[in-house]
N, C-alpha and C. Protein backbone atom coordinates (compact mmCIF):
# COMPACT_ATOMS: atom_id res chain seq x y z
N VAL A 1 -88.31 -93.11 165.05
CA VAL A 1 -89.52 -93.39 165.79
C VAL A 1 -90.27 -94.50 165.07
N THR A 2 -90.61 -95.53 165.82
CA THR A 2 -91.45 -96.60 165.29
C THR A 2 -92.54 -96.88 166.31
N GLY A 3 -93.63 -97.45 165.87
CA GLY A 3 -94.68 -97.79 166.81
C GLY A 3 -96.00 -98.05 166.13
N THR A 4 -97.02 -98.13 166.95
CA THR A 4 -98.36 -98.40 166.45
C THR A 4 -99.36 -97.44 167.08
N LEU A 5 -100.43 -97.20 166.35
CA LEU A 5 -101.59 -96.49 166.85
C LEU A 5 -102.76 -97.45 166.72
N GLU A 6 -103.49 -97.67 167.82
CA GLU A 6 -104.62 -98.59 167.79
C GLU A 6 -105.90 -97.82 168.07
N PHE A 7 -106.86 -97.93 167.13
CA PHE A 7 -108.16 -97.27 167.26
C PHE A 7 -109.15 -98.27 167.83
N ASP A 8 -109.90 -97.87 168.87
CA ASP A 8 -110.84 -98.79 169.50
C ASP A 8 -112.16 -98.91 168.74
N GLY A 9 -112.30 -98.21 167.62
CA GLY A 9 -113.52 -98.29 166.82
C GLY A 9 -114.58 -97.30 167.27
N MET A 10 -114.35 -96.61 168.35
CA MET A 10 -115.33 -95.66 168.86
C MET A 10 -114.72 -94.25 168.94
N ASN A 11 -113.98 -93.99 170.01
CA ASN A 11 -113.48 -92.64 170.26
C ASN A 11 -112.01 -92.54 170.63
N PHE A 12 -111.38 -93.65 170.97
CA PHE A 12 -110.04 -93.59 171.53
C PHE A 12 -108.99 -94.22 170.63
N VAL A 13 -107.79 -93.60 170.65
CA VAL A 13 -106.62 -94.14 169.95
C VAL A 13 -105.50 -94.23 170.97
N SER A 14 -104.84 -95.38 171.01
CA SER A 14 -103.70 -95.58 171.91
C SER A 14 -102.44 -95.66 171.09
N SER A 15 -101.41 -94.94 171.52
CA SER A 15 -100.13 -95.00 170.83
C SER A 15 -99.15 -95.82 171.67
N ASP A 16 -98.27 -96.51 170.98
CA ASP A 16 -97.18 -97.26 171.61
C ASP A 16 -95.96 -97.03 170.74
N LEU A 17 -95.09 -96.10 171.16
CA LEU A 17 -93.97 -95.66 170.34
C LEU A 17 -92.63 -96.04 170.96
N SER A 18 -91.66 -96.36 170.11
CA SER A 18 -90.27 -96.58 170.51
C SER A 18 -89.42 -95.58 169.75
N MET A 19 -88.49 -94.95 170.47
CA MET A 19 -87.65 -93.93 169.85
C MET A 19 -86.20 -94.18 170.22
N ASP A 20 -85.32 -93.95 169.26
CA ASP A 20 -83.89 -93.98 169.55
C ASP A 20 -83.19 -93.02 168.62
N GLY A 21 -82.04 -92.56 169.06
CA GLY A 21 -81.29 -91.61 168.26
C GLY A 21 -80.14 -91.05 169.06
N THR A 22 -79.65 -89.92 168.62
CA THR A 22 -78.55 -89.22 169.29
C THR A 22 -78.92 -87.76 169.44
N MET A 23 -78.83 -87.27 170.68
CA MET A 23 -79.06 -85.84 170.90
C MET A 23 -77.72 -85.16 171.15
N VAL A 24 -77.64 -83.91 170.79
CA VAL A 24 -76.42 -83.12 171.01
C VAL A 24 -76.70 -82.18 172.18
N VAL A 25 -75.89 -82.32 173.25
CA VAL A 25 -76.03 -81.49 174.44
C VAL A 25 -74.69 -80.81 174.74
N LEU A 26 -74.75 -79.76 175.54
CA LEU A 26 -73.52 -79.05 175.92
C LEU A 26 -72.86 -79.72 177.12
N ASP A 27 -71.54 -79.84 177.05
CA ASP A 27 -70.74 -80.32 178.18
C ASP A 27 -70.95 -79.34 179.32
N SER A 28 -71.23 -79.82 180.51
CA SER A 28 -71.55 -78.97 181.65
C SER A 28 -70.38 -78.12 182.12
N ILE A 29 -69.16 -78.51 181.77
CA ILE A 29 -67.99 -77.75 182.21
C ILE A 29 -67.35 -76.98 181.06
N THR A 30 -67.16 -77.63 179.92
CA THR A 30 -66.43 -76.99 178.82
C THR A 30 -67.33 -76.31 177.80
N ASN A 31 -68.63 -76.54 177.86
CA ASN A 31 -69.60 -76.00 176.90
C ASN A 31 -69.38 -76.49 175.47
N GLU A 32 -68.69 -77.61 175.30
CA GLU A 32 -68.53 -78.23 173.98
C GLU A 32 -69.71 -79.17 173.72
N ASP A 33 -70.00 -79.41 172.45
CA ASP A 33 -71.07 -80.33 172.08
C ASP A 33 -70.68 -81.77 172.41
N ILE A 34 -71.64 -82.51 172.96
CA ILE A 34 -71.46 -83.93 173.24
C ILE A 34 -72.63 -84.68 172.61
N ASP A 35 -72.35 -85.75 171.88
CA ASP A 35 -73.39 -86.62 171.34
C ASP A 35 -73.79 -87.63 172.41
N VAL A 36 -75.08 -87.68 172.72
CA VAL A 36 -75.59 -88.59 173.74
C VAL A 36 -76.64 -89.49 173.09
N PRO A 37 -76.37 -90.80 173.00
CA PRO A 37 -77.38 -91.70 172.45
C PRO A 37 -78.53 -91.87 173.44
N PHE A 38 -79.74 -92.08 172.93
CA PHE A 38 -80.89 -92.31 173.79
C PHE A 38 -81.78 -93.38 173.18
N GLU A 39 -82.55 -94.00 174.04
CA GLU A 39 -83.55 -94.99 173.64
C GLU A 39 -84.67 -94.89 174.65
N THR A 40 -85.91 -94.70 174.17
CA THR A 40 -87.03 -94.52 175.08
C THR A 40 -88.32 -95.02 174.43
N GLU A 41 -89.35 -95.10 175.25
CA GLU A 41 -90.67 -95.53 174.77
C GLU A 41 -91.71 -94.56 175.30
N SER A 42 -92.86 -94.55 174.65
CA SER A 42 -93.95 -93.69 175.08
C SER A 42 -95.29 -94.35 174.75
N GLN A 43 -96.22 -94.21 175.67
CA GLN A 43 -97.59 -94.66 175.45
C GLN A 43 -98.51 -93.49 175.78
N GLN A 44 -99.51 -93.27 174.94
CA GLN A 44 -100.43 -92.15 175.15
C GLN A 44 -101.80 -92.55 174.65
N THR A 45 -102.84 -91.97 175.25
CA THR A 45 -104.21 -92.19 174.79
C THR A 45 -104.76 -90.88 174.27
N TYR A 46 -105.39 -90.95 173.10
CA TYR A 46 -106.01 -89.80 172.45
C TYR A 46 -107.51 -90.05 172.34
N SER A 47 -108.30 -88.98 172.43
CA SER A 47 -109.75 -89.10 172.32
C SER A 47 -110.28 -88.13 171.28
N PHE A 48 -111.24 -88.59 170.49
CA PHE A 48 -111.88 -87.73 169.49
C PHE A 48 -113.08 -86.99 170.05
N VAL A 49 -113.46 -87.27 171.29
CA VAL A 49 -114.57 -86.58 171.94
C VAL A 49 -114.08 -86.03 173.28
N PRO A 50 -114.66 -84.93 173.74
CA PRO A 50 -114.26 -84.40 175.05
C PRO A 50 -114.47 -85.44 176.14
N VAL A 51 -113.52 -85.50 177.07
CA VAL A 51 -113.56 -86.47 178.16
C VAL A 51 -113.48 -85.73 179.48
N GLU A 52 -114.38 -86.06 180.41
CA GLU A 52 -114.31 -85.46 181.74
C GLU A 52 -113.02 -85.91 182.41
N ASP A 53 -112.38 -85.02 183.10
CA ASP A 53 -111.13 -85.33 183.82
C ASP A 53 -110.06 -85.87 182.88
N ALA A 54 -109.99 -85.35 181.66
CA ALA A 54 -109.00 -85.83 180.69
C ALA A 54 -107.59 -85.63 181.22
N GLU A 55 -107.34 -84.50 181.91
CA GLU A 55 -106.00 -84.25 182.44
C GLU A 55 -105.64 -85.25 183.54
N ASP A 56 -106.62 -85.61 184.37
CA ASP A 56 -106.36 -86.59 185.43
C ASP A 56 -106.05 -87.96 184.86
N GLN A 57 -106.67 -88.30 183.74
CA GLN A 57 -106.47 -89.60 183.12
C GLN A 57 -105.37 -89.57 182.07
N GLU A 58 -104.75 -88.40 181.86
CA GLU A 58 -103.71 -88.20 180.87
C GLU A 58 -104.17 -88.61 179.46
N ILE A 59 -105.36 -88.15 179.11
CA ILE A 59 -105.91 -88.36 177.78
C ILE A 59 -105.84 -87.04 177.02
N ILE A 60 -105.33 -87.08 175.81
CA ILE A 60 -105.23 -85.88 174.98
C ILE A 60 -106.44 -85.84 174.05
N VAL A 61 -107.20 -84.76 174.14
CA VAL A 61 -108.37 -84.60 173.28
C VAL A 61 -107.88 -84.06 171.93
N VAL A 62 -108.24 -84.75 170.87
CA VAL A 62 -107.80 -84.44 169.51
C VAL A 62 -108.63 -83.29 168.96
N LYS A 63 -107.95 -82.36 168.28
CA LYS A 63 -108.64 -81.23 167.65
C LYS A 63 -108.63 -81.42 166.15
N LYS A 64 -109.72 -81.12 165.50
CA LYS A 64 -109.86 -81.18 164.04
C LYS A 64 -109.58 -82.58 163.49
N ASP A 65 -109.92 -83.61 164.27
CA ASP A 65 -109.81 -85.01 163.83
C ASP A 65 -108.42 -85.40 163.33
N THR A 66 -107.38 -84.74 163.82
CA THR A 66 -106.01 -85.06 163.41
C THR A 66 -105.16 -85.28 164.66
N ILE A 67 -104.54 -86.43 164.75
CA ILE A 67 -103.65 -86.73 165.88
C ILE A 67 -102.25 -86.26 165.53
N ASP A 68 -101.71 -85.39 166.38
CA ASP A 68 -100.35 -84.90 166.22
C ASP A 68 -99.50 -85.57 167.30
N ILE A 69 -98.64 -86.51 166.91
CA ILE A 69 -97.81 -87.22 167.89
C ILE A 69 -96.50 -86.50 168.18
N ASN A 70 -96.24 -85.39 167.49
CA ASN A 70 -95.00 -84.66 167.71
C ASN A 70 -94.79 -84.23 169.17
N PRO A 71 -95.80 -83.67 169.86
CA PRO A 71 -95.58 -83.32 171.27
C PRO A 71 -95.24 -84.54 172.14
N GLU A 72 -95.86 -85.67 171.86
CA GLU A 72 -95.57 -86.90 172.61
C GLU A 72 -94.11 -87.31 172.39
N ILE A 73 -93.65 -87.25 171.16
CA ILE A 73 -92.27 -87.62 170.83
C ILE A 73 -91.30 -86.65 171.50
N PHE A 74 -91.56 -85.35 171.37
CA PHE A 74 -90.69 -84.33 171.95
C PHE A 74 -90.56 -84.51 173.46
N GLN A 75 -91.68 -84.74 174.14
CA GLN A 75 -91.66 -84.89 175.59
C GLN A 75 -90.87 -86.13 176.01
N ALA A 76 -91.07 -87.24 175.31
CA ALA A 76 -90.35 -88.47 175.65
C ALA A 76 -88.85 -88.30 175.49
N ILE A 77 -88.43 -87.63 174.42
CA ILE A 77 -87.00 -87.41 174.19
C ILE A 77 -86.44 -86.42 175.22
N LEU A 78 -87.21 -85.38 175.54
CA LEU A 78 -86.77 -84.38 176.51
C LEU A 78 -86.50 -85.02 177.87
N TYR A 79 -87.31 -85.99 178.26
CA TYR A 79 -87.10 -86.69 179.54
C TYR A 79 -85.78 -87.46 179.56
N GLU A 80 -85.24 -87.78 178.41
CA GLU A 80 -83.98 -88.52 178.33
C GLU A 80 -82.75 -87.62 178.37
N ALA A 81 -82.94 -86.31 178.24
CA ALA A 81 -81.80 -85.38 178.24
C ALA A 81 -81.16 -85.35 179.63
N PRO A 82 -79.83 -85.47 179.69
CA PRO A 82 -79.16 -85.45 180.99
C PRO A 82 -79.19 -84.05 181.61
N MET A 83 -79.29 -83.99 182.94
CA MET A 83 -79.27 -82.70 183.63
C MET A 83 -77.90 -82.05 183.53
N SER A 84 -76.85 -82.85 183.65
CA SER A 84 -75.49 -82.36 183.46
C SER A 84 -74.63 -83.53 183.00
N ILE A 85 -73.64 -83.21 182.19
CA ILE A 85 -72.77 -84.25 181.63
C ILE A 85 -71.45 -83.61 181.23
N THR A 86 -70.37 -84.37 181.36
CA THR A 86 -69.08 -83.88 180.94
C THR A 86 -68.23 -85.05 180.46
N ARG A 87 -67.30 -84.74 179.56
CA ARG A 87 -66.35 -85.75 179.09
C ARG A 87 -65.09 -85.77 179.95
N LEU A 88 -64.88 -84.71 180.72
CA LEU A 88 -63.65 -84.60 181.50
C LEU A 88 -63.60 -85.66 182.59
N PRO A 89 -62.44 -86.32 182.76
CA PRO A 89 -62.29 -87.20 183.92
C PRO A 89 -62.28 -86.35 185.19
N ARG A 90 -62.70 -86.93 186.28
CA ARG A 90 -62.85 -86.17 187.52
C ARG A 90 -61.55 -85.48 187.94
N ASP A 91 -60.41 -86.09 187.69
CA ASP A 91 -59.14 -85.47 188.10
C ASP A 91 -58.77 -84.26 187.24
N GLN A 92 -59.51 -84.03 186.14
CA GLN A 92 -59.25 -82.87 185.29
C GLN A 92 -60.29 -81.77 185.46
N TYR A 93 -61.20 -81.93 186.41
CA TYR A 93 -62.19 -80.88 186.66
C TYR A 93 -61.46 -79.61 187.08
N PRO A 94 -61.91 -78.46 186.63
CA PRO A 94 -61.27 -77.21 187.06
C PRO A 94 -61.54 -76.98 188.55
N LYS A 95 -60.60 -76.29 189.22
CA LYS A 95 -60.80 -75.98 190.65
C LYS A 95 -62.02 -75.09 190.82
N VAL A 96 -62.19 -74.16 189.89
CA VAL A 96 -63.35 -73.28 189.92
C VAL A 96 -64.15 -73.51 188.65
N ASP A 97 -65.43 -73.73 188.81
CA ASP A 97 -66.30 -73.93 187.66
C ASP A 97 -66.22 -72.68 186.79
N PRO A 98 -65.86 -72.81 185.48
CA PRO A 98 -65.71 -71.63 184.63
C PRO A 98 -66.98 -70.78 184.54
N ARG A 99 -68.11 -71.39 184.75
CA ARG A 99 -69.36 -70.62 184.69
C ARG A 99 -69.50 -69.68 185.87
N TRP A 100 -68.81 -69.97 186.99
CA TRP A 100 -68.90 -69.15 188.20
C TRP A 100 -67.64 -68.32 188.44
N GLU A 101 -66.64 -68.47 187.61
CA GLU A 101 -65.35 -67.81 187.82
C GLU A 101 -65.46 -66.29 187.90
N LYS A 102 -66.35 -65.69 187.15
CA LYS A 102 -66.51 -64.24 187.14
C LYS A 102 -66.92 -63.70 188.52
N LEU A 103 -67.51 -64.53 189.35
CA LEU A 103 -67.91 -64.09 190.68
C LEU A 103 -66.71 -63.74 191.55
N ASN A 104 -65.53 -64.26 191.22
CA ASN A 104 -64.32 -63.94 191.98
C ASN A 104 -63.96 -62.46 191.87
N ASP A 105 -64.45 -61.78 190.86
CA ASP A 105 -64.17 -60.36 190.67
C ASP A 105 -64.89 -59.47 191.70
N PHE A 106 -65.93 -59.98 192.31
CA PHE A 106 -66.69 -59.21 193.27
C PHE A 106 -66.01 -59.27 194.64
N LYS A 107 -65.89 -58.12 195.25
CA LYS A 107 -65.33 -58.03 196.60
C LYS A 107 -66.47 -57.76 197.56
N LEU A 108 -66.64 -58.64 198.51
CA LEU A 108 -67.70 -58.49 199.50
C LEU A 108 -67.10 -58.02 200.81
N ASP A 109 -67.77 -57.08 201.44
CA ASP A 109 -67.34 -56.60 202.76
C ASP A 109 -67.89 -57.53 203.81
N ASP A 110 -67.02 -57.95 204.72
CA ASP A 110 -67.45 -58.83 205.82
C ASP A 110 -67.65 -58.03 207.12
N ASP A 111 -68.18 -56.80 207.03
CA ASP A 111 -68.36 -55.95 208.20
C ASP A 111 -69.49 -56.43 209.05
């Protein structure tokens, strides 16, 4: 994580962060670990005084005069996580998704 925090001299601090790295996610079909590189940016405004409609303006009110950028970093990286991913080529996909295979054991009556 690299970036800058700019203080306006009064009440507000603006962050401008760049993040890159590798996250480990599960393969959607085989459940094996996959390394996924990511690169993202984040901008956020922090205030040292309560602000009306802070949620509407996406301003984070700072508590105890300490800015914690960890939630901003976590959220930016989380947005980069893929919903599903696999290393398998399409022609090697299983006929039945292994996560749903156990459902074949159920017998339903079509009465």
